[in-house]
Amino acid sequence: MMRMLRENLALKLLSVAVAVLLWLATVGDPQATTALAVPVQYRNTPADLEISSQLVDSAYIEARGAGGRLSGANLANAVVVVDLAGERRPGERTISIVPANVKLPVGVKFIRAVPSQIRLRLEPRAARDAVVMVRYAAPAPGAHRIALQEVVPPQVRIVGPESRVNAIDRVQTDPIELSDEMEQVFHVHTYAGDPQVRLERSDLLITVKVKLAPDPSFPANVPGPKAR
């Protein structure tokens, strides 16, 4: 019996010491409650569905635990997870924020969340081609007009919730500032105008070629009176 006790004695004593220290730390660290804003993550959205309602991107939660575990660093990775893996049909869904979908560090207990529920609307994913409309920051400078405008590509494909995609038939470029050069080329991004609708190719740049010409409607210079 004594031989068994003496085996790995140092390791056993170290384990006991660690256990005692952990116990003392827990007993000596009183329970406390804190409130903090945490991000809401939407995971596993089905490939053929889109969230069309406004997204709740954060929630305030109350959590309880030993004071040392409620530090900002320890709670930095806290998150509310909305898992949509089981959804198969479009429609409205109500997700309750409960302990099962709140990720907190060990030793911290979830109490409640504000909001306590999240209402989502799911729609079929849709795609369509939208015409690219060029925006100019100002009219052509001086006595010029735009004689030719070439847009490549003239259309882009947009993707998103069905109702929102169907409401968009054109996208706009970032504003273009013309100089007084007769031929100019620009490479600009486009914007769909709806945060729930995106371009199928987010990195796509639109090439806009512009040619200027004299504006015949621009008033000619009128000579001043001749000197006598």
C-alpha atoms as a PDB file:
ATOM      1  CA  MET A   1       0.000   0.000   0.000  1.00  0.00           C
ATOM      2  CA  MET A   2       2.769   2.427   0.991  1.00  0.00           C
ATOM      3  CA  ARG A   3       4.633   1.544  -2.186  1.00  0.00           C
ATOM      4  CA  MET A   4       1.624   2.532  -4.289  1.00  0.00           C
ATOM      5  CA  LEU A   5       1.343   5.832  -2.461  1.00  0.00           C
ATOM      6  CA  ARG A   6       5.021   6.605  -3.026  1.00  0.00           C
ATOM      7  CA  GLU A   7       4.835   5.973  -6.783  1.00  0.00           C
ATOM      8  CA  ASN A   8       4.687   9.240  -8.760  1.00  0.00           C
ATOM      9  CA  LEU A   9       4.464  11.081  -5.462  1.00  0.00           C
ATOM     10  CA  ALA A  10       5.597  14.407  -6.923  1.00  0.00           C
ATOM     11  CA  LEU A  11       2.973  14.263  -9.664  1.00  0.00           C
ATOM     12  CA  LYS A  12       0.245  13.407  -7.179  1.00  0.00           C
ATOM     13  CA  LEU A  13       1.224  16.256  -4.870  1.00  0.00           C
ATOM     14  CA  LEU A  14       1.217  18.664  -7.830  1.00  0.00           C
ATOM     15  CA  SER A  15      -2.282  17.532  -8.847  1.00  0.00           C
ATOM     16  CA  VAL A  16      -3.573  18.058  -5.314  1.00  0.00           C
ATOM     17  CA  ALA A  17      -2.005  21.514  -5.173  1.00  0.00           C
ATOM     18  CA  VAL A  18      -3.575  22.522  -8.492  1.00  0.00           C
ATOM     19  CA  ALA A  19      -6.985  21.265  -7.356  1.00  0.00           C
ATOM     20  CA  VAL A  20      -6.706  23.239  -4.118  1.00  0.00           C
ATOM     21  CA  LEU A  21      -5.688  26.389  -5.959  1.00  0.00           C
ATOM     22  CA  LEU A  22      -8.619  26.057  -8.366  1.00  0.00           C
ATOM     23  CA  TRP A  23     -10.992  25.542  -5.466  1.00  0.00           C
ATOM     24  CA  LEU A  24      -9.639  28.557  -3.641  1.00  0.00           C
ATOM     25  CA  ALA A  25      -9.915  30.655  -6.801  1.00  0.00           C
ATOM     26  CA  THR A  26     -13.543  29.649  -7.248  1.00  0.00           C
ATOM     27  CA  VAL A  27     -14.474  30.197  -3.608  1.00  0.00           C
ATOM     28  CA  GLY A  28     -12.601  33.458  -3.456  1.00  0.00           C
ATOM     29  CA  ASP A  29     -14.130  34.858  -6.655  1.00  0.00           C
ATOM     30  CA  PRO A  30     -17.761  35.835  -5.913  1.00  0.00           C
ATOM     31  CA  GLN A  31     -20.499  35.357  -8.493  1.00  0.00           C
ATOM     32  CA  ALA A  32     -21.414  38.396 -10.571  1.00  0.00           C
ATOM     33  CA  THR A  33     -23.726  39.330 -13.436  1.00  0.00           C
ATOM     34  CA  THR A  34     -22.798  41.334 -16.499  1.00  0.00           C
ATOM     35  CA  ALA A  35     -24.544  42.539 -19.658  1.00  0.00           C
ATOM     36  CA  LEU A  36     -22.803  42.795 -22.997  1.00  0.00           C
ATOM     37  CA  ALA A  37     -23.523  43.113 -26.705  1.00  0.00           C
ATOM     38  CA  VAL A  38     -22.553  40.044 -28.714  1.00  0.00           C
ATOM     39  CA  PRO A  39     -22.724  39.428 -32.470  1.00  0.00           C
ATOM     40  CA  VAL A  40     -25.422  37.267 -34.032  1.00  0.00           C
ATOM     41  CA  GLN A  41     -24.121  34.762 -36.574  1.00  0.00           C
ATOM     42  CA  TYR A  42     -26.370  33.114 -39.169  1.00  0.00           C
ATOM     43  CA  ARG A  43     -25.053  29.713 -40.172  1.00  0.00           C
ATOM     44  CA  ASN A  44     -25.969  26.973 -42.629  1.00  0.00           C
ATOM     45  CA  THR A  45     -28.474  28.950 -44.687  1.00  0.00           C
ATOM     46  CA  PRO A  46     -29.801  26.506 -47.328  1.00  0.00           C
ATOM     47  CA  ALA A  47     -28.315  27.019 -50.800  1.00  0.00           C
ATOM     48  CA  ASP A  48     -31.714  27.746 -52.376  1.00  0.00           C
ATOM     49  CA  LEU A  49     -32.995  30.164 -49.708  1.00  0.00           C
ATOM     50  CA  GLU A  50     -32.119  33.739 -48.700  1.00  0.00           C
ATOM     51  CA  ILE A  51     -32.910  35.854 -45.639  1.00  0.00           C
ATOM     52  CA  SER A  52     -34.984  38.752 -46.969  1.00  0.00           C
ATOM     53  CA  SER A  53     -35.858  40.465 -43.671  1.00  0.00           C
ATOM     54  CA  GLN A  54     -33.584  42.958 -41.978  1.00  0.00           C
ATOM     55  CA  LEU A  55     -30.865  41.097 -40.124  1.00  0.00           C
ATOM     56  CA  VAL A  56     -30.399  41.477 -36.380  1.00  0.00           C
ATOM     57  CA  ASP A  57     -26.624  41.733 -36.159  1.00  0.00           C
ATOM     58  CA  SER A  58     -26.214  41.876 -32.368  1.00  0.00           C
ATOM     59  CA  ALA A  59     -28.046  41.102 -29.144  1.00  0.00           C
ATOM     60  CA  TYR A  60     -27.576  42.148 -25.517  1.00  0.00           C
ATOM     61  CA  ILE A  61     -27.184  39.216 -23.185  1.00  0.00           C
ATOM     62  CA  GLU A  62     -26.987  38.872 -19.429  1.00  0.00           C
ATOM     63  CA  ALA A  63     -24.487  36.345 -18.152  1.00  0.00           C
ATOM     64  CA  ARG A  64     -23.501  35.169 -14.694  1.00  0.00           C
ATOM     65  CA  GLY A  65     -20.299  33.665 -13.403  1.00  0.00           C
ATOM     66  CA  ALA A  66     -17.268  34.203 -11.207  1.00  0.00           C
ATOM     67  CA  GLY A  67     -16.090  37.777 -11.466  1.00  0.00           C
ATOM     68  CA  GLY A  68     -12.784  36.790 -13.010  1.00  0.00           C
ATOM     69  CA  ARG A  69     -14.552  34.948 -15.826  1.00  0.00           C
ATOM     70  CA  LEU A  70     -16.622  37.988 -16.824  1.00  0.00           C
ATOM     71  CA  SER A  71     -13.672  40.030 -18.067  1.00  0.00           C
ATOM     72  CA  GLY A  72     -13.808  41.526 -21.531  1.00  0.00           C
ATOM     73  CA  ALA A  73     -11.004  39.302 -22.775  1.00  0.00           C
ATOM     74  CA  ASN A  74     -12.706  36.127 -21.565  1.00  0.00           C
ATOM     75  CA  LEU A  75     -16.025  37.091 -23.198  1.00  0.00           C
ATOM     76  CA  ALA A  76     -14.485  38.354 -26.439  1.00  0.00           C
ATOM     77  CA  ASN A  77     -15.643  35.295 -28.405  1.00  0.00           C
ATOM     78  CA  ALA A  78     -19.193  35.154 -27.042  1.00  0.00           C
ATOM     79  CA  VAL A  79     -21.727  34.829 -29.860  1.00  0.00           C
ATOM     80  CA  VAL A  80     -25.380  34.056 -30.571  1.00  0.00           C
ATOM     81  CA  VAL A  81     -25.672  31.390 -33.285  1.00  0.00           C
ATOM     82  CA  VAL A  82     -28.766  31.135 -35.481  1.00  0.00           C
ATOM     83  CA  ASP A  83     -28.469  27.768 -37.228  1.00  0.00           C
ATOM     84  CA  LEU A  84     -30.718  27.424 -40.292  1.00  0.00           C
ATOM     85  CA  ALA A  85     -29.526  23.967 -41.306  1.00  0.00           C
ATOM     86  CA  GLY A  86     -32.970  22.433 -40.777  1.00  0.00           C
ATOM     87  CA  GLU A  87     -34.900  24.953 -42.863  1.00  0.00           C
ATOM     88  CA  ARG A  88     -36.279  23.707 -46.174  1.00  0.00           C
ATOM     89  CA  ARG A  89     -39.147  26.032 -47.142  1.00  0.00           C
ATOM     90  CA  PRO A  90     -39.619  29.790 -47.526  1.00  0.00           C
ATOM     91  CA  GLY A  91     -41.663  31.692 -44.949  1.00  0.00           C
ATOM     92  CA  GLU A  92     -41.322  33.405 -41.580  1.00  0.00           C
ATOM     93  CA  ARG A  93     -39.408  31.837 -38.724  1.00  0.00           C
ATOM     94  CA  THR A  94     -39.102  32.827 -35.068  1.00  0.00           C
ATOM     95  CA  ILE A  95     -35.828  31.907 -33.387  1.00  0.00           C
ATOM     96  CA  SER A  96     -35.679  32.056 -29.581  1.00  0.00           C
ATOM     97  CA  ILE A  97     -32.343  32.951 -28.028  1.00  0.00           C
ATOM     98  CA  VAL A  98     -31.791  30.207 -25.449  1.00  0.00           C
ATOM     99  CA  PRO A  99     -28.689  28.734 -23.786  1.00  0.00           C
ATOM    100  CA  ALA A 100     -28.329  26.177 -26.585  1.00  0.00           C
ATOM    101  CA  ASN A 101     -27.554  28.832 -29.204  1.00  0.00           C
ATOM    102  CA  VAL A 102     -25.443  31.176 -27.058  1.00  0.00           C
ATOM    103  CA  LYS A 103     -21.737  30.350 -27.060  1.00  0.00           C
ATOM    104  CA  LEU A 104     -20.107  31.392 -23.770  1.00  0.00           C
ATOM    105  CA  PRO A 105     -16.841  30.366 -22.094  1.00  0.00           C
ATOM    106  CA  VAL A 106     -16.773  27.621 -19.473  1.00  0.00           C
ATOM    107  CA  GLY A 107     -18.003  28.805 -16.096  1.00  0.00           C
ATOM    108  CA  VAL A 108     -20.277  31.538 -17.504  1.00  0.00           C
ATOM    109  CA  LYS A 109     -24.046  30.961 -17.487  1.00  0.00           C
ATOM    110  CA  PHE A 110     -26.523  32.576 -19.893  1.00  0.00           C
ATOM    111  CA  ILE A 111     -29.444  34.303 -18.185  1.00  0.00           C
ATOM    112  CA  ARG A 112     -31.413  36.149 -20.868  1.00  0.00           C
ATOM    113  CA  ALA A 113     -31.109  38.087 -24.120  1.00  0.00           C
ATOM    114  CA  VAL A 114     -32.589  41.279 -25.541  1.00  0.00           C
ATOM    115  CA  PRO A 115     -34.179  40.739 -27.966  1.00  0.00           C
ATOM    116  CA  SER A 116     -35.197  37.327 -26.712  1.00  0.00           C
ATOM    117  CA  GLN A 117     -36.405  36.249 -30.173  1.00  0.00           C
ATOM    118  CA  ILE A 118     -35.380  36.912 -33.763  1.00  0.00           C
ATOM    119  CA  ARG A 119     -37.964  36.894 -36.569  1.00  0.00           C
ATOM    120  CA  LEU A 120     -36.669  35.959 -40.009  1.00  0.00           C
ATOM    121  CA  ARG A 121     -38.277  35.805 -43.423  1.00  0.00           C
ATOM    122  CA  LEU A 122     -36.846  33.261 -45.841  1.00  0.00           C
ATOM    123  CA  GLU A 123     -37.368  33.531 -49.593  1.00  0.00           C
ATOM    124  CA  PRO A 124     -36.219  31.527 -52.595  1.00  0.00           C
ATOM    125  CA  ARG A 125     -32.866  32.643 -53.969  1.00  0.00           C
ATOM    126  CA  ALA A 126     -33.220  34.408 -57.316  1.00  0.00           C
ATOM    127  CA  ALA A 127     -30.888  35.824 -59.946  1.00  0.00           C
ATOM    128  CA  ARG A 128     -31.403  38.124 -62.916  1.00  0.00           C
ATOM    129  CA  ASP A 129     -29.504  40.444 -65.241  1.00  0.00           C
ATOM    130  CA  ALA A 130     -29.680  44.171 -64.490  1.00  0.00           C
ATOM    131  CA  VAL A 131     -28.748  47.031 -66.809  1.00  0.00           C
ATOM    132  CA  VAL A 132     -25.731  49.116 -65.778  1.00  0.00           C
ATOM    133  CA  MET A 133     -26.570  52.821 -65.532  1.00  0.00           C
ATOM    134  CA  VAL A 134     -23.619  55.242 -65.550  1.00  0.00           C
ATOM    135  CA  ARG A 135     -23.625  58.034 -62.978  1.00  0.00           C
ATOM    136  CA  TYR A 136     -21.752  61.262 -63.635  1.00  0.00           C
ATOM    137  CA  ALA A 137     -20.672  63.525 -60.802  1.00  0.00           C
ATOM    138  CA  ALA A 138     -21.299  66.596 -62.982  1.00  0.00           C
ATOM    139  CA  PRO A 139     -22.132  67.473 -66.586  1.00  0.00           C
ATOM    140  CA  ALA A 140     -19.407  67.465 -69.209  1.00  0.00           C
ATOM    141  CA  PRO A 141     -17.014  70.363 -68.575  1.00  0.00           C
ATOM    142  CA  GLY A 142     -16.891  73.542 -70.639  1.00  0.00           C
ATOM    143  CA  ALA A 143     -18.659  73.722 -73.986  1.00  0.00           C
ATOM    144  CA  HIS A 144     -18.787  69.951 -74.405  1.00  0.00           C
ATOM    145  CA  ARG A 145     -21.354  67.176 -74.364  1.00  0.00           C
ATOM    146  CA  ILE A 146     -21.142  63.386 -74.134  1.00  0.00           C
ATOM    147  CA  ALA A 147     -21.202  62.204 -77.740  1.00  0.00           C
ATOM    148  CA  LEU A 148     -20.551  58.503 -77.068  1.00  0.00           C
ATOM    149  CA  GLN A 149     -20.771  56.273 -74.026  1.00  0.00           C
ATOM    150  CA  GLU A 150     -19.738  52.612 -74.106  1.00  0.00           C
ATOM    151  CA  VAL A 151     -20.345  50.343 -71.085  1.00  0.00           C
ATOM    152  CA  VAL A 152     -18.661  46.947 -70.785  1.00  0.00           C
ATOM    153  CA  PRO A 153     -20.384  44.794 -69.699  1.00  0.00           C
ATOM    154  CA  PRO A 154     -23.730  46.527 -70.281  1.00  0.00           C
ATOM    155  CA  GLN A 155     -25.466  44.188 -67.812  1.00  0.00           C
ATOM    156  CA  VAL A 156     -24.493  42.429 -64.586  1.00  0.00           C
ATOM    157  CA  ARG A 157     -26.058  39.506 -62.774  1.00  0.00           C
ATOM    158  CA  ILE A 158     -27.527  40.160 -59.357  1.00  0.00           C
ATOM    159  CA  VAL A 159     -28.438  37.573 -56.699  1.00  0.00           C
ATOM    160  CA  GLY A 160     -30.554  37.703 -53.547  1.00  0.00           C
ATOM    161  CA  PRO A 161     -34.025  37.131 -52.084  1.00  0.00           C
ATOM    162  CA  GLU A 162     -36.612  36.733 -54.850  1.00  0.00           C
ATOM    163  CA  SER A 163     -38.801  39.753 -54.016  1.00  0.00           C
ATOM    164  CA  ARG A 164     -35.821  42.092 -53.680  1.00  0.00           C
ATOM    165  CA  VAL A 165     -34.124  40.889 -56.859  1.00  0.00           C
ATOM    166  CA  ASN A 166     -37.360  41.254 -58.838  1.00  0.00           C
ATOM    167  CA  ALA A 167     -37.650  44.875 -57.678  1.00  0.00           C
ATOM    168  CA  ILE A 168     -34.317  45.829 -59.291  1.00  0.00           C
ATOM    169  CA  ASP A 169     -33.880  46.150 -63.055  1.00  0.00           C
ATOM    170  CA  ARG A 170     -30.783  48.353 -63.065  1.00  0.00           C
ATOM    171  CA  VAL A 171     -27.670  49.028 -61.055  1.00  0.00           C
ATOM    172  CA  GLN A 172     -25.631  52.233 -60.878  1.00  0.00           C
ATOM    173  CA  THR A 173     -21.927  52.844 -61.206  1.00  0.00           C
ATOM    174  CA  ASP A 174     -19.966  54.916 -58.751  1.00  0.00           C
ATOM    175  CA  PRO A 175     -20.028  58.596 -59.830  1.00  0.00           C
ATOM    176  CA  ILE A 176     -17.650  59.414 -62.686  1.00  0.00           C
ATOM    177  CA  GLU A 177     -15.886  62.765 -62.882  1.00  0.00           C
ATOM    178  CA  LEU A 178     -15.228  63.879 -66.436  1.00  0.00           C
ATOM    179  CA  SER A 179     -12.205  65.904 -67.413  1.00  0.00           C
ATOM    180  CA  ASP A 180     -11.847  68.058 -70.543  1.00  0.00           C
ATOM    181  CA  GLU A 181     -10.129  65.274 -72.499  1.00  0.00           C
ATOM    182  CA  MET A 182     -12.086  64.265 -75.583  1.00  0.00           C
ATOM    183  CA  GLU A 183     -11.707  60.504 -74.949  1.00  0.00           C
ATOM    184  CA  GLN A 184     -11.703  59.024 -71.451  1.00  0.00           C
ATOM    185  CA  VAL A 185     -11.817  55.530 -69.934  1.00  0.00           C
ATOM    186  CA  PHE A 186     -12.967  54.633 -66.402  1.00  0.00           C
ATOM    187  CA  HIS A 187     -13.082  51.407 -64.381  1.00  0.00           C
ATOM    188  CA  VAL A 188     -15.728  51.587 -61.678  1.00  0.00           C
ATOM    189  CA  HIS A 189     -17.794  49.436 -59.329  1.00  0.00           C
ATOM    190  CA  THR A 190     -21.567  49.140 -59.382  1.00  0.00           C
ATOM    191  CA  TYR A 191     -24.124  49.287 -56.574  1.00  0.00           C
ATOM    192  CA  ALA A 192     -27.444  47.428 -56.549  1.00  0.00           C
ATOM    193  CA  GLY A 193     -29.079  49.810 -54.068  1.00  0.00           C
ATOM    194  CA  ASP A 194     -30.365  47.052 -51.751  1.00  0.00           C
ATOM    195  CA  PRO A 195     -28.100  45.651 -49.008  1.00  0.00           C
ATOM    196  CA  GLN A 196     -29.746  42.224 -49.397  1.00  0.00           C
ATOM    197  CA  VAL A 197     -28.915  42.055 -53.118  1.00  0.00           C
ATOM    198  CA  ARG A 198     -25.385  41.430 -54.324  1.00  0.00           C
ATOM    199  CA  LEU A 199     -23.522  41.045 -57.576  1.00  0.00           C
ATOM    200  CA  GLU A 200     -22.819  37.490 -58.650  1.00  0.00           C
ATOM    201  CA  ARG A 201     -19.239  38.666 -59.194  1.00  0.00           C
ATOM    202  CA  SER A 202     -18.415  41.034 -56.370  1.00  0.00           C
ATOM    203  CA  ASP A 203     -15.002  41.881 -57.835  1.00  0.00           C
ATOM    204  CA  LEU A 204     -16.388  42.904 -61.229  1.00  0.00           C
ATOM    205  CA  LEU A 205     -15.301  46.298 -62.554  1.00  0.00           C
ATOM    206  CA  ILE A 206     -17.311  48.116 -65.209  1.00  0.00           C
ATOM    207  CA  THR A 207     -15.387  49.772 -68.033  1.00  0.00           C
ATOM    208  CA  VAL A 208     -16.909  53.030 -69.233  1.00  0.00           C
ATOM    209  CA  LYS A 209     -15.548  54.700 -72.368  1.00  0.00           C
ATOM    210  CA  VAL A 210     -16.638  58.279 -72.947  1.00  0.00           C
ATOM    211  CA  LYS A 211     -16.139  60.544 -75.971  1.00  0.00           C
ATOM    212  CA  LEU A 212     -16.831  64.262 -75.771  1.00  0.00           C
ATOM    213  CA  ALA A 213     -17.809  66.608 -78.568  1.00  0.00           C
ATOM    214  CA  PRO A 214     -18.496  70.345 -78.830  1.00  0.00           C
ATOM    215  CA  ASP A 215     -21.943  71.210 -77.576  1.00  0.00           C
ATOM    216  CA  PRO A 216     -23.774  73.157 -80.306  1.00  0.00           C
ATOM    217  CA  SER A 217     -26.283  74.465 -77.799  1.00  0.00           C
ATOM    218  CA  PHE A 218     -23.558  76.090 -75.724  1.00  0.00           C
ATOM    219  CA  PRO A 219     -23.705  79.892 -76.246  1.00  0.00           C
ATOM    220  CA  ALA A 220     -20.868  81.257 -78.361  1.00  0.00           C
ATOM    221  CA  ASN A 221     -18.645  83.947 -76.981  1.00  0.00           C
ATOM    222  CA  VAL A 222     -20.039  87.360 -77.751  1.00  0.00           C
ATOM    223  CA  PRO A 223     -17.282  89.876 -78.619  1.00  0.00           C
ATOM    224  CA  GLY A 224     -17.131  92.978 -76.498  1.00  0.00           C
ATOM    225  CA  PRO A 225     -17.554  96.506 -77.870  1.00  0.00           C
ATOM    226  CA  LYS A 226     -14.762  97.703 -80.121  1.00  0.00           C
ATOM    227  CA  ALA A 227     -12.505 100.432 -78.836  1.00  0.00           C
ATOM    228  CA  ARG A 228     -13.022 103.859 -80.474  1.00  0.00           C
END
